[in-house]
Amino acid sequence: IGNEEKTMNLIEKQIDRMKSGDFADEMVNVAQKMLINSLRSTYDSANAIFGLIYRNVILNSDDTLEKMIEDINKVSKDDVVNVMNKLEFNLSYVLKGGMDCE
């Protein structure tokens, strides 16, 4: 079995674990904190602020940073499991190193 196949098998196993809810509640909390910290850092960059505005335009939304944080904090482990069960794994790419252009 090659490394690519081993990697794909591992990814599929992890997706299956998430679909069955076989992960700690703390992982949801950690992900929430990471997303919230990332959102808060948007105010450190003009480009990120424009990205937030662009997001609201595309989504026809007027969400504030506080509203997005509130929504992130509402996500539960059950919500993650429900979304994961809608996931369809369709395609994968493997990048390989090297300079052979022939």
Protein backbone atom coordinates (compact mmCIF):
# COMPACT_ATOMS: atom_id res chain seq x y z
CA ILE A 1 0.00 0.00 0.00
CA GLY A 2 1.44 3.39 -0.98
CA ASN A 3 1.62 6.49 1.18
CA GLU A 4 -1.17 8.15 -0.82
CA GLU A 5 -3.50 5.24 -0.17
CA LYS A 6 -2.57 5.14 3.52
CA THR A 7 -3.27 8.85 3.78
CA MET A 8 -6.65 8.53 2.04
CA ASN A 9 -7.60 5.63 4.33
CA LEU A 10 -6.67 7.68 7.39
CA ILE A 11 -8.72 10.66 6.18
CA GLU A 12 -11.73 8.41 5.50
CA LYS A 13 -11.44 6.87 9.00
CA GLN A 14 -11.34 10.32 10.60
CA ILE A 15 -14.36 11.46 8.60
CA ASP A 16 -16.23 8.32 9.66
CA ARG A 17 -15.33 9.00 13.29
CA MET A 18 -16.68 12.53 13.02
CA LYS A 19 -19.86 11.29 11.33
CA SER A 20 -20.47 8.93 14.25
CA GLY A 21 -19.67 11.59 16.86
CA ASP A 22 -16.50 9.84 17.97
CA PHE A 23 -14.64 13.00 19.02
CA ALA A 24 -14.41 15.00 22.23
CA ASP A 25 -16.72 17.94 22.93
CA GLU A 26 -13.56 19.85 23.77
CA MET A 27 -12.55 19.69 20.10
CA VAL A 28 -15.63 21.77 19.21
CA ASN A 29 -14.70 24.28 21.91
CA VAL A 30 -11.13 24.52 20.63
CA ALA A 31 -12.33 25.03 17.05
CA GLN A 32 -14.76 27.72 18.21
CA LYS A 33 -11.99 29.58 20.06
CA MET A 34 -9.70 29.37 17.04
CA LEU A 35 -12.38 30.72 14.69
CA ILE A 36 -13.26 33.53 17.08
CA ASN A 37 -9.60 34.53 17.51
CA SER A 38 -9.22 34.51 13.73
CA LEU A 39 -12.28 36.71 13.31
CA ARG A 40 -11.08 39.14 15.96
CA SER A 41 -7.75 39.44 14.21
CA THR A 42 -9.57 40.76 11.12
CA TYR A 43 -9.56 44.17 12.73
CA ASP A 44 -5.75 44.12 12.56
CA SER A 45 -5.73 44.24 8.76
CA ALA A 46 -7.45 46.50 6.24
CA ASN A 47 -7.60 43.65 3.72
CA ALA A 48 -9.31 41.38 6.23
CA ILE A 49 -11.85 44.10 7.06
CA PHE A 50 -12.61 44.42 3.34
CA GLY A 51 -12.96 40.63 3.22
CA LEU A 52 -15.52 40.76 6.01
CA ILE A 53 -17.45 43.48 4.17
CA TYR A 54 -17.23 41.48 0.92
CA ARG A 55 -18.55 38.41 2.74
CA ASN A 56 -21.56 40.38 3.92
CA VAL A 57 -22.22 41.70 0.41
CA ILE A 58 -21.97 38.24 -1.18
CA LEU A 59 -24.20 36.68 1.48
CA ASN A 60 -26.58 39.64 1.49
CA SER A 61 -25.97 39.92 5.21
CA ASP A 62 -25.29 42.65 7.72
CA ASP A 63 -23.66 40.42 10.33
CA THR A 64 -21.38 42.14 12.77
CA LEU A 65 -18.33 40.55 14.31
CA GLU A 66 -20.28 40.13 17.54
CA LYS A 67 -23.13 38.34 15.71
CA MET A 68 -20.72 35.96 13.99
CA ILE A 69 -19.05 35.16 17.33
CA GLU A 70 -22.46 34.55 18.87
CA ASP A 71 -23.37 32.17 16.02
CA ILE A 72 -20.05 30.30 16.30
CA ASN A 73 -20.62 29.83 20.03
CA LYS A 74 -24.05 28.30 19.32
CA VAL A 75 -22.56 25.41 17.31
CA SER A 76 -22.80 22.11 19.16
CA LYS A 77 -21.21 18.72 18.68
CA ASP A 78 -24.54 17.49 17.29
CA ASP A 79 -24.45 20.29 14.70
CA VAL A 80 -20.99 19.18 13.59
CA VAL A 81 -22.12 15.53 13.33
CA ASN A 82 -25.19 16.53 11.30
CA VAL A 83 -23.09 18.53 8.85
CA MET A 84 -20.46 15.80 8.60
CA ASN A 85 -23.18 13.32 7.66
CA LYS A 86 -24.04 15.52 4.68
CA LEU A 87 -20.42 15.49 3.53
CA GLU A 88 -19.65 13.71 0.27
CA PHE A 89 -16.02 12.90 -0.47
CA ASN A 90 -15.74 13.25 -4.25
CA LEU A 91 -12.22 14.05 -5.34
CA SER A 92 -8.71 14.27 -4.02
CA TYR A 93 -5.41 15.57 -5.31
CA VAL A 94 -1.94 14.49 -4.35
CA LEU A 95 0.90 16.96 -4.76
CA LYS A 96 4.29 15.43 -5.34
CA GLY A 97 7.65 17.15 -5.11
CA GLY A 98 10.25 17.22 -7.81
CA MET A 99 11.48 19.26 -10.70
CA ASP A 100 10.93 16.78 -13.55
CA CYS A 101 9.09 18.78 -16.22
CA GLU A 102 9.35 16.21 -19.02
